[in-house]
């Protein structure tokens, strides 16, 4: 049975090993996360004014909402406050910032069923991040911006942490995705035609839904099977997530077991050091890369973040 820890007082080294073993950690809101969701709320409420972002589906069409999100979400990703707040949140939870590398924080949205669930508001089917070229040492941090409900939260399938799932991850290459699919998200309104890794066999019908308060955190391994719960409430759910790796674990190839991922490419170039936004050393990246990498396909998703810091923090 998967252990779930609430506000656990535990050294980060021990917590990471437990996360790699499939355990899940939930934390209450902290000063850093409260500041982060305050920024997100302000941006959401300005973008959708005069309407409440949680009921925007009652006032605008899916096309109109997708157009707003296509500007709002990148603006949040590259907002200078995010670069400051993520290290603060890590420090609040006992993480050694010299060894911490994180990717950019993403704002997610889950609208009531049949409104907008593809493209830029993609409702993720059951998946592991490791099917999407993530390293086995990746940890996911998920933060709700507003209160969540069991029927608009995330669903976890912890039984499958130790059980392989037949899947189509062999069709996924991270470099091809960045080159051909990332920029087209906002164009997929009614349906999403982009090929993504999916389970090809039945999975456990029962998922678990954890409900931290707004600003609370769920931390879990990127190898956990999880999904976006179909939103059957009358309100949209907005959340923030980002991923982290510890460089010592990356070098030692420590992490969750790889039961069934067969994707190619690697996301390791996306991670930036918390203290100065330096990239992971190329020698570490090469430990995770493969022959699919080439100069015209390898994209450094964090490059804009580093550039913005250098020229004064453009959003």
Protein backbone atom coordinates (compact mmCIF):
# COMPACT_ATOMS: atom_id res chain seq x y z
CA UNK A 1 0.00 0.00 0.00
CA UNK A 2 1.29 3.48 -0.89
CA UNK A 3 2.17 5.64 2.10
CA UNK A 4 0.89 9.23 1.99
CA UNK A 5 2.63 11.75 4.27
CA UNK A 6 1.04 14.99 5.47
CA UNK A 7 3.32 17.87 6.50
CA UNK A 8 6.07 15.36 7.22
CA UNK A 9 9.14 16.71 9.01
CA UNK A 10 11.78 14.74 7.15
CA UNK A 11 15.19 15.47 5.60
CA UNK A 12 15.02 15.96 1.85
CA UNK A 13 17.44 13.08 1.17
CA UNK A 14 15.09 10.65 2.94
CA UNK A 15 11.99 12.17 1.36
CA UNK A 16 13.39 11.74 -2.15
CA UNK A 17 14.15 8.08 -1.55
CA UNK A 18 10.61 7.53 -0.29
CA UNK A 19 9.21 9.35 -3.32
CA UNK A 20 11.27 7.10 -5.61
CA UNK A 21 9.67 4.15 -3.80
CA UNK A 22 6.20 5.41 -4.68
CA UNK A 23 5.23 7.30 -1.54
CA UNK A 24 3.40 10.63 -1.82
CA UNK A 25 3.90 13.80 0.22
CA UNK A 26 1.28 16.50 0.82
CA UNK A 27 2.10 19.85 2.42
CA UNK A 28 0.04 22.77 3.66
CA UNK A 29 0.36 26.18 2.02
CA UNK A 30 3.55 28.09 2.84
CA UNK A 31 4.53 31.75 2.42
CA UNK A 32 6.19 30.90 -0.89
CA UNK A 33 3.26 28.98 -2.33
CA UNK A 34 0.79 31.61 -1.14
CA UNK A 35 2.81 34.24 -3.02
CA UNK A 36 2.93 32.02 -6.12
CA UNK A 37 -0.82 31.41 -6.24
CA UNK A 38 -1.46 35.10 -5.52
CA UNK A 39 0.55 35.92 -8.64
CA UNK A 40 -1.34 33.28 -10.62
CA UNK A 41 -4.74 34.49 -9.40
CA UNK A 42 -3.90 38.08 -10.27
CA UNK A 43 -2.88 37.11 -13.80
CA UNK A 44 -5.94 34.89 -14.27
CA UNK A 45 -8.36 37.49 -12.97
CA UNK A 46 -6.85 40.23 -15.10
CA UNK A 47 -6.90 38.04 -18.21
CA UNK A 48 -10.55 37.02 -17.79
CA UNK A 49 -11.91 40.28 -16.30
CA UNK A 50 -14.64 41.10 -15.56
CA UNK A 51 -15.53 37.41 -15.20
CA UNK A 52 -14.45 34.90 -12.54
CA UNK A 53 -11.85 32.60 -14.15
CA UNK A 54 -13.56 29.60 -12.53
CA UNK A 55 -16.80 30.22 -14.43
CA UNK A 56 -15.37 31.70 -17.61
CA UNK A 57 -16.93 28.82 -19.58
CA UNK A 58 -20.31 30.43 -18.90
CA UNK A 59 -19.28 33.65 -20.64
CA UNK A 60 -16.85 32.81 -23.44
CA UNK A 61 -16.48 30.20 -26.17
CA UNK A 62 -13.76 27.53 -26.07
CA UNK A 63 -12.00 29.36 -28.88
CA UNK A 64 -11.99 32.62 -26.94
CA UNK A 65 -10.68 30.94 -23.78
CA UNK A 66 -7.97 29.10 -25.71
CA UNK A 67 -6.84 32.38 -27.27
CA UNK A 68 -6.54 34.01 -23.84
CA UNK A 69 -4.68 31.02 -22.41
CA UNK A 70 -2.24 31.04 -25.32
CA UNK A 71 -0.98 34.40 -24.06
CA UNK A 72 -1.56 33.95 -20.33
CA UNK A 73 0.21 30.64 -19.82
CA UNK A 74 3.54 31.60 -21.43
CA UNK A 75 3.41 34.93 -19.57
CA UNK A 76 3.11 33.03 -16.29
CA UNK A 77 5.88 30.58 -17.19
CA UNK A 78 8.34 33.39 -17.85
CA UNK A 79 7.21 35.84 -15.19
CA UNK A 80 10.27 37.01 -13.22
CA UNK A 81 8.49 36.40 -9.89
CA UNK A 82 8.28 32.68 -10.67
CA UNK A 83 12.05 32.47 -10.94
CA UNK A 84 12.32 33.97 -7.46
CA UNK A 85 9.51 32.04 -5.78
CA UNK A 86 10.36 28.50 -6.83
CA UNK A 87 13.72 28.48 -5.02
CA UNK A 88 11.99 30.02 -1.97
CA UNK A 89 9.44 27.20 -1.97
CA UNK A 90 12.21 24.62 -2.24
CA UNK A 91 14.10 26.19 0.65
CA UNK A 92 10.94 26.16 2.78
CA UNK A 93 10.86 22.39 2.32
CA UNK A 94 14.47 21.72 3.20
CA UNK A 95 15.83 21.28 -0.32
CA UNK A 96 19.54 21.98 -0.92
CA UNK A 97 19.38 24.70 -3.59
CA UNK A 98 22.95 24.07 -4.73
CA UNK A 99 21.86 20.61 -5.87
CA UNK A 100 18.35 21.45 -7.05
CA UNK A 101 17.45 21.84 -10.72
CA UNK A 102 13.91 22.75 -11.73
CA UNK A 103 11.99 23.30 -14.93
CA UNK A 104 9.67 26.21 -15.58
CA UNK A 105 6.38 26.35 -13.62
CA UNK A 106 3.34 25.72 -15.78
CA UNK A 107 -0.18 26.95 -15.18
CA UNK A 108 -2.76 24.21 -15.88
CA UNK A 109 -6.50 24.47 -16.42
CA UNK A 110 -9.24 21.84 -16.30
CA UNK A 111 -12.63 23.05 -17.49
CA UNK A 112 -15.99 21.37 -17.01
CA UNK A 113 -16.39 18.37 -19.30
CA UNK A 114 -17.18 19.06 -22.96
CA UNK A 115 -16.07 22.71 -22.80
CA UNK A 116 -12.31 22.69 -23.43
CA UNK A 117 -10.16 19.67 -22.69
CA UNK A 118 -7.65 19.56 -25.55
CA UNK A 119 -4.69 21.54 -26.77
CA UNK A 120 -3.65 24.29 -24.36
CA UNK A 121 -6.12 22.97 -21.75
CA UNK A 122 -5.32 19.30 -22.37
CA UNK A 123 -6.97 16.91 -19.92
CA UNK A 124 -4.30 14.28 -19.41
CA UNK A 125 -5.29 10.64 -19.64
CA UNK A 126 -3.61 8.21 -17.20
CA UNK A 127 0.12 8.47 -17.81
CA UNK A 128 3.55 8.53 -16.25
CA UNK A 129 5.78 11.53 -16.96
CA UNK A 130 8.50 8.99 -17.67
CA UNK A 131 6.53 8.03 -20.81
CA UNK A 132 7.27 11.60 -21.95
CA UNK A 133 11.08 11.30 -21.77
CA UNK A 134 11.35 12.44 -18.14
CA UNK A 135 14.19 10.96 -16.05
CA UNK A 136 13.41 8.40 -13.34
CA UNK A 137 14.74 10.86 -10.72
CA UNK A 138 12.16 13.52 -11.60
CA UNK A 139 9.84 14.70 -8.85
CA UNK A 140 6.58 16.53 -9.59
CA UNK A 141 5.25 19.39 -7.45
CA UNK A 142 1.53 20.20 -7.94
CA UNK A 143 -0.17 23.25 -6.37
CA UNK A 144 -3.88 24.18 -6.70
CA UNK A 145 -4.47 27.89 -7.28
CA UNK A 146 -8.07 27.78 -5.98
CA UNK A 147 -9.74 25.15 -3.76
CA UNK A 148 -10.16 21.81 -5.52
CA UNK A 149 -12.97 19.27 -5.50
CA UNK A 150 -12.73 15.46 -5.84
CA UNK A 151 -14.32 15.81 -9.27
CA UNK A 152 -11.89 18.37 -10.68
CA UNK A 153 -8.61 17.31 -9.06
CA UNK A 154 -5.92 14.85 -10.12
CA UNK A 155 -6.32 11.10 -9.93
CA UNK A 156 -3.52 8.72 -8.90
CA UNK A 157 -3.18 5.01 -9.57
CA UNK A 158 -0.57 4.03 -6.95
CA UNK A 159 -1.08 0.28 -7.48
CA UNK A 160 0.51 0.67 -10.88
CA UNK A 161 3.66 2.20 -9.44
CA UNK A 162 4.87 -1.37 -9.02
CA UNK A 163 3.04 -2.84 -12.00
CA UNK A 164 4.00 -2.32 -15.63
CA UNK A 165 1.34 -0.96 -17.96
CA UNK A 166 1.35 -1.76 -21.66
CA UNK A 167 1.67 1.62 -23.36
CA UNK A 168 2.60 3.47 -26.54
CA UNK A 169 5.57 5.44 -25.19
CA UNK A 170 7.81 3.92 -27.88
CA UNK A 171 6.12 6.31 -30.33
CA UNK A 172 7.19 9.39 -28.37
CA UNK A 173 10.36 11.36 -28.95
CA UNK A 174 10.81 14.53 -26.91
CA UNK A 175 12.74 16.38 -29.61
CA UNK A 176 10.08 15.64 -32.22
CA UNK A 177 7.40 16.81 -29.78
CA UNK A 178 9.16 20.13 -29.14
CA UNK A 179 9.79 20.65 -32.85
CA UNK A 180 6.38 19.70 -34.23
CA UNK A 181 3.75 19.77 -31.49
CA UNK A 182 4.45 22.12 -28.60
CA UNK A 183 3.70 25.32 -30.52
CA UNK A 184 0.40 24.01 -31.94
CA UNK A 185 -1.34 23.44 -28.59
CA UNK A 186 -3.65 26.44 -28.89
CA UNK A 187 -4.83 25.27 -32.32
CA UNK A 188 -6.38 22.08 -30.91
CA UNK A 189 -9.76 23.26 -29.65
CA UNK A 190 -12.40 20.57 -30.23
CA UNK A 191 -10.04 17.62 -30.44
CA UNK A 192 -6.33 17.04 -29.95
CA UNK A 193 -4.67 15.26 -32.86
CA UNK A 194 -1.18 15.25 -31.39
CA UNK A 195 0.11 11.73 -30.72
CA UNK A 196 0.85 11.21 -27.04
CA UNK A 197 1.81 8.11 -25.02
CA UNK A 198 -1.19 6.25 -23.65
CA UNK A 199 -1.98 3.03 -21.83
CA UNK A 200 -2.83 0.20 -24.24
CA UNK A 201 -4.25 -2.16 -21.63
CA UNK A 202 -6.85 -1.82 -18.86
CA UNK A 203 -5.67 -0.11 -15.70
CA UNK A 204 -7.01 -0.05 -12.17
CA UNK A 205 -10.52 1.46 -12.26
CA UNK A 206 -10.08 3.10 -8.86
CA UNK A 207 -8.00 6.24 -8.62
CA UNK A 208 -7.16 8.21 -5.49
CA UNK A 209 -7.72 11.96 -5.29
CA UNK A 210 -5.80 14.09 -2.83
CA UNK A 211 -7.14 17.54 -1.99
CA UNK A 212 -4.56 19.93 -0.54
CA UNK A 213 -5.80 23.46 0.19
CA UNK A 214 -5.13 26.24 -2.30
CA UNK A 215 -1.38 26.78 -2.10
CA UNK A 216 -0.81 23.30 -0.69
CA UNK A 217 1.51 20.90 -2.50
CA UNK A 218 1.39 17.31 -3.68
CA UNK A 219 4.87 15.94 -4.36
CA UNK A 220 5.15 12.65 -6.25
CA UNK A 221 7.49 10.72 -8.48
CA UNK A 222 7.30 11.31 -12.22
CA UNK A 223 6.87 7.55 -12.47
CA UNK A 224 3.51 7.66 -10.67
CA UNK A 225 0.56 6.85 -12.95
CA UNK A 226 -1.76 9.85 -12.71
CA UNK A 227 -4.38 11.72 -14.72
CA UNK A 228 -6.54 14.83 -14.98
CA UNK A 229 -9.88 13.86 -13.47
CA UNK A 230 -12.77 14.58 -15.82
CA UNK A 231 -14.23 17.79 -14.44
CA UNK A 232 -17.87 17.11 -13.55
CA UNK A 233 -18.18 20.20 -11.35
CA UNK A 234 -19.47 23.58 -12.48
CA UNK A 235 -16.15 25.35 -12.00
CA UNK A 236 -12.77 25.31 -13.70
CA UNK A 237 -9.75 24.03 -11.83
CA UNK A 238 -6.48 25.95 -12.13
CA UNK A 239 -3.18 24.64 -10.81
CA UNK A 240 0.58 25.09 -11.05
CA UNK A 241 3.09 22.32 -11.50
CA UNK A 242 6.82 22.09 -11.94
CA UNK A 243 9.40 19.31 -11.86
CA UNK A 244 12.72 18.96 -10.07
CA UNK A 245 15.80 16.77 -10.12
CA UNK A 246 18.61 16.47 -7.60
CA UNK A 247 21.97 16.48 -9.36
CA UNK A 248 23.52 13.88 -7.03
CA UNK A 249 20.67 11.47 -7.79
CA UNK A 250 20.92 12.26 -11.50
CA UNK A 251 24.63 11.46 -11.52
CA UNK A 252 24.11 8.25 -9.55
CA UNK A 253 21.13 7.22 -11.74
CA UNK A 254 19.00 6.97 -8.62
CA UNK A 255 15.25 7.23 -8.99
CA UNK A 256 12.07 5.26 -9.36
CA UNK A 257 12.24 1.95 -11.23
CA UNK A 258 11.55 2.06 -14.96
CA UNK A 259 8.88 -0.59 -15.46
CA UNK A 260 7.53 0.28 -18.89
CA UNK A 261 8.83 3.54 -20.43
CA UNK A 262 10.36 3.14 -23.89
CA UNK A 263 10.29 6.73 -25.19
CA UNK A 264 13.34 8.45 -26.70
CA UNK A 265 15.07 11.77 -26.15
CA UNK A 266 15.31 13.39 -22.73
CA UNK A 267 13.89 16.41 -20.90
CA UNK A 268 17.11 16.86 -18.93
CA UNK A 269 18.07 20.00 -20.85
CA UNK A 270 14.96 21.72 -19.47
CA UNK A 271 16.24 21.78 -15.89
CA UNK A 272 17.94 24.86 -14.45
CA UNK A 273 19.87 25.22 -11.18
CA UNK A 274 17.87 27.03 -8.52
CA UNK A 275 20.67 29.32 -7.38
CA UNK A 276 21.68 30.77 -10.77
CA UNK A 277 19.58 29.16 -13.58
CA UNK A 278 22.63 27.29 -14.91
CA UNK A 279 21.85 24.27 -17.06
CA UNK A 280 22.60 20.74 -15.97
CA UNK A 281 26.20 19.86 -16.88
CA UNK A 282 26.32 18.37 -20.36
CA UNK A 283 28.05 15.28 -19.00
CA UNK A 284 25.00 14.55 -16.84
CA UNK A 285 22.62 15.18 -19.74
CA UNK A 286 24.54 12.75 -21.92
CA UNK A 287 23.92 10.00 -19.36
CA UNK A 288 20.22 10.26 -20.29
CA UNK A 289 20.40 11.14 -23.98
CA UNK A 290 20.35 8.86 -27.00
CA UNK A 291 21.08 8.81 -30.70
CA UNK A 292 17.90 10.76 -31.53
CA UNK A 293 19.52 14.04 -30.42
CA UNK A 294 20.78 16.34 -33.17
CA UNK A 295 21.61 20.02 -33.33
CA UNK A 296 18.47 20.99 -35.24
CA UNK A 297 16.13 19.03 -32.95
CA UNK A 298 17.50 19.57 -29.44
CA UNK A 299 15.65 22.53 -27.94
CA UNK A 300 16.61 24.08 -24.66
CA UNK A 301 13.19 24.93 -23.25
CA UNK A 302 14.82 26.91 -20.45
CA UNK A 303 16.85 29.14 -22.77
CA UNK A 304 14.27 31.94 -22.72
CA UNK A 305 14.26 31.89 -18.93
CA UNK A 306 18.02 32.37 -18.77
CA UNK A 307 17.90 35.09 -21.45
CA UNK A 308 15.16 36.96 -19.60
CA UNK A 309 17.17 36.99 -16.40
CA UNK A 310 20.20 38.33 -18.24
CA UNK A 311 18.32 41.22 -19.85
CA UNK A 312 16.47 42.36 -16.78
CA UNK A 313 13.56 40.00 -16.30
CA UNK A 314 11.29 40.44 -19.32
CA UNK A 315 8.01 38.52 -18.95
